[in-house]
Amino acid sequence: MSILLVTSSPRGGASHSTRIATEFADKLVAADPSATLVVRDLVANPLPHIDPDYSSGIYTPAESRTPRQAEVVGVSDAVLEELFAADTIILATGFINFGISSTLKSWIDHVTRSGKTFSYGENGPKGLVTGKKVYIVLASGGIYSEGAAVQLDHAIPYLRSVLGFIGMTDVDVIRIEGVGMGPDAVEAALAKATAKVDAVVTAGTVAAAA
């Protein structure tokens, strides 16, 4: 199994999404000694926002690109290589202004490329990134999975939509909710998320042994 862990919280060591996602990846590797893990830390190594050189460069033949175009397209190509090589993708983000982190949005922009991860045909768009399992680890100060605030959650619907557009439809969500509601709420949210992680790892181990 090849695992790609993408972290994006600006909170560093205090990030709940990074903590749970990292523990998740480590447990998957521990359960499968043959597994490989690639970590892309979008805070330590942020991807450049797409710009005119990128937008024109991806449609320019490689031999005709300017040095700047070659540089930014090369960054995108490297990110795509990591994505296609992975069997399991773990995306970690904080819930920021009702959406995902800007660093994760840049990753999305680099991996959503016509002719690479999706194509247009007679029947409309077709996702080209198939056969992947995706886990979204989302930390939020409030509760957005239920109740009146559900309509404010633009993170999960967006991620499901864009990932599905490029072919990744097998997506599960691990929420770390209510971390802004005090220490007890933080402890409960982390325990719930950890329990879900452990259930996924156990189920995978059982399936592999069957």
N, C-alpha and C. Protein backbone atom coordinates (compact mmCIF):
# COMPACT_ATOMS: atom_id res chain seq x y z
N MET A 1 0.84 -1.20 0.00
CA MET A 1 0.00 0.00 0.00
C MET A 1 0.87 1.24 0.00
N SER A 2 0.51 2.20 -0.83
CA SER A 2 1.21 3.48 -0.90
C SER A 2 0.28 4.55 -0.33
N ILE A 3 0.79 5.29 0.64
CA ILE A 3 -0.02 6.28 1.34
C ILE A 3 0.54 7.67 1.07
N LEU A 4 -0.35 8.61 0.75
CA LEU A 4 0.02 10.01 0.60
C LEU A 4 -0.69 10.79 1.69
N LEU A 5 0.08 11.43 2.56
CA LEU A 5 -0.46 12.27 3.63
C LEU A 5 -0.22 13.73 3.27
N VAL A 6 -1.30 14.49 3.18
CA VAL A 6 -1.22 15.91 2.85
C VAL A 6 -1.74 16.71 4.05
N THR A 7 -0.86 17.47 4.68
CA THR A 7 -1.27 18.29 5.82
C THR A 7 -1.24 19.76 5.43
N SER A 8 -2.12 20.55 6.06
CA SER A 8 -2.24 21.94 5.58
C SER A 8 -2.57 22.96 6.66
N SER A 9 -2.65 22.54 7.91
CA SER A 9 -3.03 23.49 8.96
C SER A 9 -1.90 24.45 9.28
N PRO A 10 -2.21 25.74 9.43
CA PRO A 10 -1.18 26.72 9.79
C PRO A 10 -0.84 26.70 11.28
N ARG A 11 -1.47 25.82 12.06
CA ARG A 11 -1.29 25.82 13.51
C ARG A 11 -0.10 24.98 13.97
N GLY A 12 0.63 24.39 13.04
CA GLY A 12 1.84 23.67 13.39
C GLY A 12 1.58 22.53 14.36
N GLY A 13 2.40 22.47 15.42
CA GLY A 13 2.29 21.40 16.39
C GLY A 13 0.99 21.42 17.18
N ALA A 14 0.26 22.53 17.13
CA ALA A 14 -1.01 22.63 17.85
C ALA A 14 -2.19 22.16 17.00
N SER A 15 -1.94 21.76 15.78
CA SER A 15 -3.01 21.38 14.87
C SER A 15 -3.59 20.01 15.20
N HIS A 16 -4.89 19.97 15.41
CA HIS A 16 -5.56 18.71 15.68
C HIS A 16 -5.68 17.87 14.41
N SER A 17 -5.93 18.52 13.27
CA SER A 17 -6.08 17.76 12.03
C SER A 17 -4.76 17.11 11.64
N THR A 18 -3.65 17.84 11.80
CA THR A 18 -2.34 17.27 11.48
C THR A 18 -2.01 16.12 12.42
N ARG A 19 -2.32 16.29 13.70
CA ARG A 19 -2.03 15.24 14.68
C ARG A 19 -2.77 13.95 14.35
N ILE A 20 -4.08 14.05 14.17
CA ILE A 20 -4.87 12.84 13.92
C ILE A 20 -4.50 12.21 12.58
N ALA A 21 -4.31 13.04 11.56
CA ALA A 21 -3.97 12.50 10.23
C ALA A 21 -2.61 11.81 10.25
N THR A 22 -1.65 12.39 10.97
CA THR A 22 -0.32 11.79 11.06
C THR A 22 -0.37 10.48 11.82
N GLU A 23 -1.11 10.47 12.93
CA GLU A 23 -1.26 9.22 13.69
C GLU A 23 -1.95 8.16 12.83
N PHE A 24 -2.91 8.57 12.05
CA PHE A 24 -3.62 7.65 11.14
C PHE A 24 -2.64 7.03 10.16
N ALA A 25 -1.85 7.86 9.50
CA ALA A 25 -0.88 7.36 8.52
C ALA A 25 0.12 6.42 9.17
N ASP A 26 0.60 6.79 10.35
CA ASP A 26 1.58 5.96 11.06
C ASP A 26 0.98 4.59 11.43
N LYS A 27 -0.28 4.59 11.83
CA LYS A 27 -0.93 3.32 12.20
C LYS A 27 -1.14 2.43 10.97
N LEU A 28 -1.45 3.03 9.84
CA LEU A 28 -1.60 2.26 8.61
C LEU A 28 -0.27 1.61 8.22
N VAL A 29 0.81 2.37 8.37
CA VAL A 29 2.14 1.83 8.06
C VAL A 29 2.51 0.72 9.04
N ALA A 30 2.20 0.92 10.31
CA ALA A 30 2.52 -0.09 11.31
C ALA A 30 1.75 -1.38 11.07
N ALA A 31 0.53 -1.25 10.54
CA ALA A 31 -0.29 -2.42 10.29
C ALA A 31 0.12 -3.16 9.02
N ASP A 32 0.86 -2.47 8.15
CA ASP A 32 1.30 -3.07 6.89
C ASP A 32 2.77 -2.71 6.67
N PRO A 33 3.69 -3.56 7.09
CA PRO A 33 5.12 -3.27 6.98
C PRO A 33 5.58 -2.98 5.55
N SER A 34 4.82 -3.43 4.56
CA SER A 34 5.22 -3.18 3.18
C SER A 34 4.74 -1.81 2.68
N ALA A 35 3.95 -1.13 3.50
CA ALA A 35 3.39 0.16 3.08
C ALA A 35 4.47 1.23 2.97
N THR A 36 4.26 2.15 2.07
CA THR A 36 5.15 3.30 1.93
C THR A 36 4.36 4.57 2.22
N LEU A 37 5.03 5.56 2.76
CA LEU A 37 4.36 6.80 3.15
C LEU A 37 5.11 8.00 2.58
N VAL A 38 4.37 8.85 1.89
CA VAL A 38 4.89 10.12 1.40
C VAL A 38 4.11 11.22 2.09
N VAL A 39 4.83 12.16 2.68
CA VAL A 39 4.19 13.26 3.39
C VAL A 39 4.43 14.57 2.65
N ARG A 40 3.35 15.27 2.36
CA ARG A 40 3.47 16.61 1.77
C ARG A 40 2.91 17.61 2.77
N ASP A 41 3.79 18.35 3.39
CA ASP A 41 3.44 19.37 4.36
C ASP A 41 3.29 20.69 3.62
N LEU A 42 2.06 21.12 3.44
CA LEU A 42 1.80 22.31 2.63
C LEU A 42 2.06 23.61 3.37
N VAL A 43 2.36 23.51 4.67
CA VAL A 43 2.73 24.70 5.43
C VAL A 43 4.24 24.88 5.40
N ALA A 44 4.98 23.81 5.65
CA ALA A 44 6.44 23.88 5.59
C ALA A 44 6.91 24.13 4.16
N ASN A 45 6.20 23.55 3.20
CA ASN A 45 6.56 23.69 1.78
C ASN A 45 5.31 24.03 0.97
N PRO A 46 4.84 25.27 1.07
CA PRO A 46 3.61 25.65 0.37
C PRO A 46 3.79 25.63 -1.15
N LEU A 47 2.75 25.23 -1.82
CA LEU A 47 2.76 25.26 -3.27
C LEU A 47 2.45 26.67 -3.75
N PRO A 48 3.03 27.09 -4.86
CA PRO A 48 2.71 28.43 -5.37
C PRO A 48 1.28 28.49 -5.86
N HIS A 49 0.63 29.62 -5.60
CA HIS A 49 -0.70 29.82 -6.16
C HIS A 49 -0.57 29.85 -7.68
N ILE A 50 -1.59 29.35 -8.36
CA ILE A 50 -1.53 29.35 -9.82
C ILE A 50 -1.54 30.79 -10.33
N ASP A 51 -0.74 31.03 -11.39
CA ASP A 51 -0.56 32.37 -11.93
C ASP A 51 -0.56 32.30 -13.45
N PRO A 52 -0.35 33.40 -14.14
CA PRO A 52 -0.38 33.36 -15.60
C PRO A 52 0.62 32.38 -16.22
N ASP A 53 1.80 32.23 -15.61
CA ASP A 53 2.79 31.30 -16.15
C ASP A 53 2.30 29.85 -16.05
N TYR A 54 1.65 29.55 -14.93
CA TYR A 54 1.08 28.20 -14.77
C TYR A 54 -0.07 27.99 -15.75
N SER A 55 -1.00 28.95 -15.78
CA SER A 55 -2.21 28.81 -16.60
C SER A 55 -1.89 28.66 -18.08
N SER A 56 -0.84 29.34 -18.53
CA SER A 56 -0.43 29.20 -19.94
C SER A 56 0.51 28.02 -20.12
N GLY A 57 1.34 27.77 -19.12
CA GLY A 57 2.36 26.72 -19.24
C GLY A 57 1.80 25.32 -19.37
N ILE A 58 0.70 25.04 -18.69
CA ILE A 58 0.15 23.69 -18.75
C ILE A 58 -0.41 23.36 -20.13
N TYR A 59 -0.66 24.39 -20.94
CA TYR A 59 -1.16 24.16 -22.29
C TYR A 59 -0.08 24.40 -23.35
N THR A 60 1.15 24.62 -22.90
CA THR A 60 2.26 24.86 -23.82
C THR A 60 3.14 23.61 -23.88
N PRO A 61 3.53 23.16 -25.08
CA PRO A 61 4.42 22.00 -25.17
C PRO A 61 5.67 22.21 -24.32
N ALA A 62 6.14 21.14 -23.70
CA ALA A 62 7.26 21.25 -22.76
C ALA A 62 8.47 21.95 -23.38
N GLU A 63 8.74 21.64 -24.64
CA GLU A 63 9.93 22.21 -25.28
C GLU A 63 9.77 23.71 -25.59
N SER A 64 8.56 24.21 -25.50
CA SER A 64 8.32 25.61 -25.83
C SER A 64 8.06 26.48 -24.61
N ARG A 65 8.10 25.90 -23.42
CA ARG A 65 7.82 26.66 -22.20
C ARG A 65 8.98 27.58 -21.85
N THR A 66 8.64 28.70 -21.27
CA THR A 66 9.67 29.58 -20.72
C THR A 66 10.23 28.92 -19.46
N PRO A 67 11.39 29.39 -18.98
CA PRO A 67 11.92 28.83 -17.74
C PRO A 67 10.94 28.91 -16.58
N ARG A 68 10.24 30.02 -16.47
CA ARG A 68 9.27 30.18 -15.38
C ARG A 68 8.10 29.21 -15.55
N GLN A 69 7.61 29.07 -16.78
CA GLN A 69 6.53 28.11 -17.03
C GLN A 69 6.98 26.70 -16.68
N ALA A 70 8.18 26.35 -17.08
CA ALA A 70 8.70 25.01 -16.81
C ALA A 70 8.80 24.77 -15.30
N GLU A 71 9.17 25.80 -14.58
CA GLU A 71 9.31 25.67 -13.12
C GLU A 71 7.97 25.39 -12.46
N VAL A 72 6.96 26.20 -12.77
CA VAL A 72 5.67 26.05 -12.07
C VAL A 72 4.93 24.80 -12.53
N VAL A 73 5.04 24.46 -13.80
CA VAL A 73 4.41 23.22 -14.27
C VAL A 73 5.13 22.01 -13.68
N GLY A 74 6.43 22.13 -13.51
CA GLY A 74 7.20 21.05 -12.89
C GLY A 74 6.75 20.78 -11.46
N VAL A 75 6.42 21.83 -10.74
CA VAL A 75 5.89 21.66 -9.38
C VAL A 75 4.58 20.89 -9.43
N SER A 76 3.71 21.28 -10.33
CA SER A 76 2.42 20.60 -10.47
C SER A 76 2.61 19.14 -10.88
N ASP A 77 3.53 18.89 -11.78
CA ASP A 77 3.80 17.51 -12.22
C ASP A 77 4.26 16.64 -11.05
N ALA A 78 5.09 17.20 -10.18
CA ALA A 78 5.59 16.44 -9.03
C ALA A 78 4.46 16.08 -8.08
N VAL A 79 3.55 17.02 -7.89
CA VAL A 79 2.39 16.77 -7.02
C VAL A 79 1.50 15.69 -7.64
N LEU A 80 1.34 15.75 -8.93
CA LEU A 80 0.53 14.74 -9.62
C LEU A 80 1.16 13.36 -9.52
N GLU A 81 2.46 13.28 -9.62
CA GLU A 81 3.15 11.99 -9.50
C GLU A 81 2.88 11.36 -8.14
N GLU A 82 2.91 12.18 -7.09
CA GLU A 82 2.61 11.68 -5.75
C GLU A 82 1.19 11.17 -5.66
N LEU A 83 0.27 11.90 -6.26
CA LEU A 83 -1.15 11.50 -6.21
C LEU A 83 -1.38 10.19 -6.94
N PHE A 84 -0.88 10.08 -8.14
CA PHE A 84 -1.12 8.86 -8.93
C PHE A 84 -0.42 7.65 -8.33
N ALA A 85 0.68 7.86 -7.63
CA ALA A 85 1.42 6.74 -7.05
C ALA A 85 0.75 6.19 -5.80
N ALA A 86 -0.15 6.96 -5.19
CA ALA A 86 -0.75 6.57 -3.92
C ALA A 86 -1.99 5.72 -4.11
N ASP A 87 -2.15 4.74 -3.22
CA ASP A 87 -3.39 3.97 -3.15
C ASP A 87 -4.37 4.62 -2.18
N THR A 88 -3.81 5.19 -1.10
CA THR A 88 -4.60 5.83 -0.06
C THR A 88 -4.12 7.26 0.13
N ILE A 89 -5.07 8.19 0.15
CA ILE A 89 -4.73 9.60 0.34
C ILE A 89 -5.42 10.11 1.60
N ILE A 90 -4.65 10.75 2.47
CA ILE A 90 -5.19 11.36 3.68
C ILE A 90 -4.99 12.87 3.55
N LEU A 91 -6.08 13.60 3.54
CA LEU A 91 -6.04 15.05 3.43
C LEU A 91 -6.44 15.66 4.77
N ALA A 92 -5.57 16.45 5.36
CA ALA A 92 -5.84 17.05 6.66
C ALA A 92 -5.95 18.56 6.53
N THR A 93 -7.01 19.11 7.13
CA THR A 93 -7.20 20.56 7.08
C THR A 93 -8.00 21.04 8.27
N GLY A 94 -7.75 22.27 8.65
CA GLY A 94 -8.60 22.92 9.62
C GLY A 94 -9.78 23.53 8.89
N PHE A 95 -10.83 23.81 9.62
CA PHE A 95 -12.03 24.45 9.08
C PHE A 95 -11.82 25.95 9.20
N ILE A 96 -11.52 26.60 8.10
CA ILE A 96 -11.12 28.00 8.13
C ILE A 96 -12.13 28.83 7.35
N ASN A 97 -12.82 29.73 8.06
CA ASN A 97 -13.83 30.58 7.43
C ASN A 97 -14.82 29.76 6.61
N PHE A 98 -15.24 28.64 7.21
CA PHE A 98 -16.26 27.75 6.64
C PHE A 98 -15.77 26.94 5.45
N GLY A 99 -14.48 26.94 5.21
CA GLY A 99 -13.93 26.18 4.09
C GLY A 99 -12.62 25.52 4.47
N ILE A 100 -11.83 25.18 3.46
CA ILE A 100 -10.54 24.53 3.69
C ILE A 100 -9.44 25.57 3.74
N SER A 101 -8.26 25.15 4.16
CA SER A 101 -7.11 26.07 4.20
C SER A 101 -6.71 26.48 2.79
N SER A 102 -6.15 27.67 2.67
CA SER A 102 -5.72 28.14 1.34
C SER A 102 -4.58 27.29 0.79
N THR A 103 -3.77 26.72 1.69
CA THR A 103 -2.67 25.88 1.23
C THR A 103 -3.21 24.60 0.59
N LEU A 104 -4.26 24.04 1.16
CA LEU A 104 -4.86 22.84 0.56
C LEU A 104 -5.56 23.20 -0.75
N LYS A 105 -6.15 24.38 -0.81
CA LYS A 105 -6.79 24.83 -2.06
C LYS A 105 -5.74 24.91 -3.17
N SER A 106 -4.53 25.37 -2.85
CA SER A 106 -3.47 25.41 -3.87
C SER A 106 -3.14 24.01 -4.35
N TRP A 107 -3.11 23.04 -3.43
CA TRP A 107 -2.85 21.64 -3.83
C TRP A 107 -3.94 21.17 -4.78
N ILE A 108 -5.19 21.48 -4.44
CA ILE A 108 -6.31 21.11 -5.31
C ILE A 108 -6.13 21.72 -6.70
N ASP A 109 -5.73 22.98 -6.74
CA ASP A 109 -5.55 23.65 -8.03
C ASP A 109 -4.46 23.00 -8.86
N HIS A 110 -3.43 22.48 -8.21
CA HIS A 110 -2.33 21.85 -8.95
C HIS A 110 -2.67 20.44 -9.41
N VAL A 111 -3.55 19.75 -8.71
CA VAL A 111 -3.86 18.37 -9.12
C VAL A 111 -5.10 18.27 -10.00
N THR A 112 -5.82 19.37 -10.15
CA THR A 112 -7.02 19.35 -11.00
C THR A 112 -6.63 19.95 -12.35
N ARG A 113 -6.19 19.08 -13.25
CA ARG A 113 -5.65 19.53 -14.53
C ARG A 113 -6.28 18.78 -15.69
N SER A 114 -6.80 19.54 -16.62
CA SER A 114 -7.39 18.96 -17.82
C SER A 114 -6.34 18.16 -18.59
N GLY A 115 -6.72 16.96 -18.97
CA GLY A 115 -5.82 16.09 -19.71
C GLY A 115 -4.93 15.26 -18.81
N LYS A 116 -4.88 15.60 -17.53
CA LYS A 116 -4.07 14.86 -16.57
C LYS A 116 -4.95 14.11 -15.59
N THR A 117 -5.81 14.84 -14.90
CA THR A 117 -6.66 14.20 -13.89
C THR A 117 -8.13 14.20 -14.27
N PHE A 118 -8.47 14.88 -15.33
CA PHE A 118 -9.82 14.79 -15.89
C PHE A 118 -9.75 15.14 -17.37
N SER A 119 -10.77 14.71 -18.09
CA SER A 119 -10.84 15.01 -19.53
C SER A 119 -12.28 15.28 -19.90
N TYR A 120 -12.45 15.94 -21.02
CA TYR A 120 -13.79 16.21 -21.55
C TYR A 120 -14.02 15.35 -22.79
N GLY A 121 -15.20 14.76 -22.87
CA GLY A 121 -15.54 13.94 -24.02
C GLY A 121 -16.98 14.17 -24.42
N GLU A 122 -17.49 13.31 -25.26
CA GLU A 122 -18.86 13.46 -25.75
C GLU A 122 -19.87 13.38 -24.62
N ASN A 123 -19.53 12.64 -23.59
CA ASN A 123 -20.45 12.48 -22.46
C ASN A 123 -20.13 13.40 -21.29
N GLY A 124 -19.31 14.41 -21.54
CA GLY A 124 -18.98 15.35 -20.49
C GLY A 124 -17.65 15.03 -19.84
N PRO A 125 -17.39 15.61 -18.67
CA PRO A 125 -16.10 15.39 -18.00
C PRO A 125 -15.96 13.98 -17.45
N LYS A 126 -14.73 13.50 -17.42
CA LYS A 126 -14.44 12.17 -16.90
C LYS A 126 -13.21 12.26 -15.99
N GLY A 127 -13.36 11.77 -14.77
CA GLY A 127 -12.23 11.76 -13.85
C GLY A 127 -11.24 10.68 -14.21
N LEU A 128 -9.96 10.98 -14.11
CA LEU A 128 -8.92 10.04 -14.51
C LEU A 128 -8.12 9.49 -13.33
N VAL A 129 -8.43 9.95 -12.12
CA VAL A 129 -7.72 9.47 -10.93
C VAL A 129 -8.64 8.46 -10.23
N THR A 130 -8.49 7.21 -10.58
CA THR A 130 -9.42 6.20 -10.08
C THR A 130 -8.70 5.16 -9.21
N GLY A 131 -9.50 4.38 -8.49
CA GLY A 131 -8.94 3.31 -7.68
C GLY A 131 -8.26 3.79 -6.41
N LYS A 132 -8.61 4.99 -5.95
CA LYS A 132 -7.99 5.55 -4.74
C LYS A 132 -8.99 5.55 -3.58
N LYS A 133 -8.47 5.42 -2.38
CA LYS A 133 -9.26 5.61 -1.17
C LYS A 133 -8.80 6.91 -0.52
N VAL A 134 -9.76 7.78 -0.23
CA VAL A 134 -9.43 9.09 0.33
C VAL A 134 -10.07 9.25 1.71
N TYR A 135 -9.29 9.77 2.63
CA TYR A 135 -9.79 10.13 3.96
C TYR A 135 -9.56 11.62 4.15
N ILE A 136 -10.59 12.33 4.54
CA ILE A 136 -10.47 13.75 4.87
C ILE A 136 -10.52 13.87 6.39
N VAL A 137 -9.50 14.46 6.96
CA VAL A 137 -9.45 14.72 8.39
C VAL A 137 -9.68 16.22 8.59
N LEU A 138 -10.82 16.55 9.16
CA LEU A 138 -11.22 17.96 9.28
C LEU A 138 -11.42 18.33 10.74
N ALA A 139 -10.71 19.35 11.20
CA ALA A 139 -10.87 19.86 12.56
C ALA A 139 -11.63 21.18 12.52
N SER A 140 -12.59 21.33 13.43
CA SER A 140 -13.38 22.56 13.46
C SER A 140 -13.68 22.96 14.89
N GLY A 141 -13.77 24.27 15.11
CA GLY A 141 -14.06 24.78 16.44
C GLY A 141 -15.47 24.49 16.88
N GLY A 142 -16.40 24.45 15.93
CA GLY A 142 -17.80 24.17 16.22
C GLY A 142 -18.24 22.83 15.68
N ILE A 143 -19.54 22.58 15.76
CA ILE A 143 -20.14 21.35 15.24
C ILE A 143 -20.84 21.67 13.93
N TYR A 144 -20.36 21.05 12.86
CA TYR A 144 -20.92 21.34 11.54
C TYR A 144 -21.46 20.10 10.82
N SER A 145 -21.38 18.94 11.46
CA SER A 145 -21.87 17.72 10.83
C SER A 145 -23.37 17.55 11.04
N GLU A 146 -23.93 18.31 11.99
CA GLU A 146 -25.35 18.21 12.29
C GLU A 146 -25.83 19.51 12.90
N GLY A 147 -27.12 19.67 12.94
CA GLY A 147 -27.68 20.87 13.53
C GLY A 147 -27.75 22.04 12.56
N ALA A 148 -28.02 23.21 13.13
CA ALA A 148 -28.24 24.40 12.30
C ALA A 148 -27.03 24.84 11.50
N ALA A 149 -25.82 24.46 11.97
CA ALA A 149 -24.60 24.94 11.30
C ALA A 149 -24.19 24.10 10.10
N VAL A 150 -24.92 23.03 9.80
CA VAL A 150 -24.56 22.18 8.67
C VAL A 150 -24.42 22.98 7.38
N GLN A 151 -25.32 23.93 7.19
CA GLN A 151 -25.31 24.71 5.95
C GLN A 151 -24.07 25.59 5.81
N LEU A 152 -23.34 25.78 6.90
CA LEU A 152 -22.12 26.59 6.84
C LEU A 152 -20.88 25.77 6.48
N ASP A 153 -21.04 24.46 6.41
CA ASP A 153 -19.90 23.60 6.07
C ASP A 153 -19.71 23.58 4.56
N HIS A 154 -18.77 24.37 4.09
CA HIS A 154 -18.44 24.40 2.67
C HIS A 154 -17.18 23.60 2.38
N ALA A 155 -16.57 23.04 3.42
CA ALA A 155 -15.33 22.30 3.25
C ALA A 155 -15.57 20.90 2.68
N ILE A 156 -16.38 20.10 3.39
CA ILE A 156 -16.60 18.73 2.95
C ILE A 156 -17.35 18.65 1.62
N PRO A 157 -18.44 19.41 1.44
CA PRO A 157 -19.11 19.35 0.13
C PRO A 157 -18.18 19.73 -1.02
N TYR A 158 -17.35 20.75 -0.80
CA TYR A 158 -16.42 21.16 -1.85
C TYR A 158 -15.41 20.06 -2.14
N LEU A 159 -14.80 19.51 -1.11
CA LEU A 159 -13.79 18.47 -1.32
C LEU A 159 -14.39 17.24 -1.99
N ARG A 160 -15.57 16.83 -1.55
CA ARG A 160 -16.21 15.68 -2.20
C ARG A 160 -16.48 15.96 -3.68
N SER A 161 -16.89 17.18 -3.97
CA SER A 161 -17.20 17.53 -5.36
C SER A 161 -15.96 17.54 -6.24
N VAL A 162 -14.91 18.22 -5.79
CA VAL A 162 -13.73 18.35 -6.63
C VAL A 162 -12.97 17.03 -6.72
N LEU A 163 -12.91 16.27 -5.63
CA LEU A 163 -12.26 14.97 -5.69
C LEU A 163 -13.03 14.02 -6.61
N GLY A 164 -14.35 14.06 -6.49
CA GLY A 164 -15.17 13.22 -7.36
C GLY A 164 -15.03 13.60 -8.82
N PHE A 165 -14.87 14.88 -9.08
CA PHE A 165 -14.72 15.36 -10.45
C PHE A 165 -13.50 14.76 -11.12
N ILE A 166 -12.42 14.55 -10.36
CA ILE A 166 -11.21 13.98 -10.96
C ILE A 166 -11.13 12.46 -10.75
N GLY A 167 -12.23 11.87 -10.25
CA GLY A 167 -12.31 10.41 -10.22
C GLY A 167 -12.23 9.75 -8.87
N MET A 168 -12.01 10.53 -7.81
CA MET A 168 -11.87 9.94 -6.48
C MET A 168 -13.20 10.06 -5.73
N THR A 169 -13.98 9.01 -5.81
CA THR A 169 -15.32 9.02 -5.23
C THR A 169 -15.44 8.22 -3.94
N ASP A 170 -14.42 7.44 -3.62
CA ASP A 170 -14.43 6.64 -2.39
C ASP A 170 -13.79 7.48 -1.28
N VAL A 171 -14.63 8.31 -0.64
CA VAL A 171 -14.14 9.31 0.31
C VAL A 171 -14.83 9.14 1.65
N ASP A 172 -14.06 9.04 2.72
CA ASP A 172 -14.58 9.02 4.08
C ASP A 172 -14.07 10.24 4.84
N VAL A 173 -14.86 10.67 5.79
CA VAL A 173 -14.53 11.87 6.56
C VAL A 173 -14.33 11.51 8.03
N ILE A 174 -13.25 12.02 8.59
CA ILE A 174 -12.98 11.89 10.02
C ILE A 174 -12.98 13.30 10.59
N ARG A 175 -14.01 13.59 11.37
CA ARG A 175 -14.16 14.94 11.93
C ARG A 175 -13.61 15.03 13.35
N ILE A 176 -13.02 16.16 13.63
CA ILE A 176 -12.58 16.50 14.98
C ILE A 176 -13.34 17.78 15.32
N GLU A 177 -14.53 17.62 15.87
CA GLU A 177 -15.46 18.74 16.00
C GLU A 177 -15.53 19.31 17.41
N GLY A 178 -15.82 20.60 17.47
CA GLY A 178 -16.07 21.24 18.74
C GLY A 178 -14.84 21.57 19.54
N VAL A 179 -13.68 21.68 18.88
CA VAL A 179 -12.44 21.91 19.62
C VAL A 179 -12.35 23.34 20.16
N GLY A 180 -13.30 24.19 19.79
CA GLY A 180 -13.32 25.54 20.33
C GLY A 180 -14.23 25.67 21.53
N MET A 181 -14.74 24.55 22.00
CA MET A 181 -15.73 24.57 23.08
C MET A 181 -15.17 24.17 24.44
N GLY A 182 -13.86 24.23 24.60
CA GLY A 182 -13.26 23.94 25.89
C GLY A 182 -12.48 22.66 25.91
N PRO A 183 -11.63 22.49 26.95
CA PRO A 183 -10.75 21.32 27.06
C PRO A 183 -11.47 19.98 27.01
N ASP A 184 -12.61 19.88 27.69
CA ASP A 184 -13.35 18.62 27.68
C ASP A 184 -13.83 18.27 26.29
N ALA A 185 -14.27 19.29 25.56
CA ALA A 185 -14.75 19.07 24.19
C ALA A 185 -13.60 18.64 23.29
N VAL A 186 -12.43 19.23 23.49
CA VAL A 186 -11.25 18.85 22.70
C VAL A 186 -10.92 17.38 22.95
N GLU A 187 -10.89 17.00 24.21
CA GLU A 187 -10.56 15.62 24.56
C GLU A 187 -11.56 14.64 23.95
N ALA A 188 -12.84 15.00 24.02
CA ALA A 188 -13.88 14.13 23.46
C ALA A 188 -13.77 14.03 21.95
N ALA A 189 -13.49 15.16 21.29
CA ALA A 189 -13.37 15.17 19.83
C ALA A 189 -12.19 14.34 19.36
N LEU A 190 -11.06 14.47 20.05
CA LEU A 190 -9.87 13.70 19.68
C LEU A 190 -10.10 12.20 19.92
N ALA A 191 -10.76 11.87 21.02
CA ALA A 191 -11.04 10.47 21.31
C ALA A 191 -11.96 9.85 20.25
N LYS A 192 -12.96 10.60 19.84
CA LYS A 192 -13.89 10.11 18.82
C LYS A 192 -13.18 9.90 17.49
N ALA A 193 -12.35 10.86 17.11
CA ALA A 193 -11.61 10.75 15.85
C ALA A 193 -10.63 9.60 15.90
N THR A 194 -9.94 9.44 17.03
CA THR A 194 -8.99 8.33 17.17
C THR A 194 -9.69 6.99 17.09
N ALA A 195 -10.87 6.89 17.69
CA ALA A 195 -11.64 5.65 17.63
C ALA A 195 -12.01 5.30 16.19
N LYS A 196 -12.36 6.32 15.42
CA LYS A 196 -12.70 6.05 14.01
C LYS A 196 -11.47 5.62 13.23
N VAL A 197 -10.34 6.27 13.50
CA VAL A 197 -9.09 5.88 12.86
C VAL A 197 -8.76 4.43 13.18
N ASP A 198 -8.85 4.08 14.45
CA ASP A 198 -8.52 2.71 14.87
C ASP A 198 -9.46 1.69 14.22
N ALA A 199 -10.72 2.07 14.06
CA ALA A 199 -11.68 1.16 13.43
C ALA A 199 -11.32 0.93 11.97
N VAL A 200 -10.88 1.98 11.29
CA VAL A 200 -10.47 1.85 9.88
C VAL A 200 -9.24 0.95 9.77
N VAL A 201 -8.26 1.18 10.63
CA VAL A 201 -7.03 0.39 10.59
C VAL A 201 -7.32 -1.07 10.90
N THR A 202 -8.15 -1.32 11.91
CA THR A 202 -8.50 -2.69 12.27
C THR A 202 -9.25 -3.38 11.15
N ALA A 203 -10.20 -2.69 10.54
CA ALA A 203 -10.95 -3.27 9.44
C ALA A 203 -10.04 -3.62 8.27
N GLY A 204 -9.07 -2.75 7.99
CA GLY A 204 -8.13 -3.02 6.91
C GLY A 204 -7.24 -4.19 7.20
N THR A 205 -6.83 -4.32 8.46
CA THR A 205 -5.98 -5.45 8.85
C THR A 205 -6.72 -6.77 8.75
N VAL A 206 -7.98 -6.74 9.17
CA VAL A 206 -8.81 -7.95 9.09
C VAL A 206 -9.04 -8.34 7.64
N ALA A 207 -9.32 -7.35 6.80
CA ALA A 207 -9.56 -7.63 5.38
C ALA A 207 -8.32 -8.20 4.72
N ALA A 208 -7.16 -7.66 5.08
CA ALA A 208 -5.91 -8.13 4.48
C ALA A 208 -5.61 -9.56 4.90
N ALA A 209 -6.04 -9.95 6.09
CA ALA A 209 -5.76 -11.28 6.59
C ALA A 209 -6.78 -12.32 6.11
N ALA A 210 -7.89 -11.84 5.62
CA ALA A 210 -8.97 -12.76 5.20
C ALA A 210 -8.59 -13.52 3.94
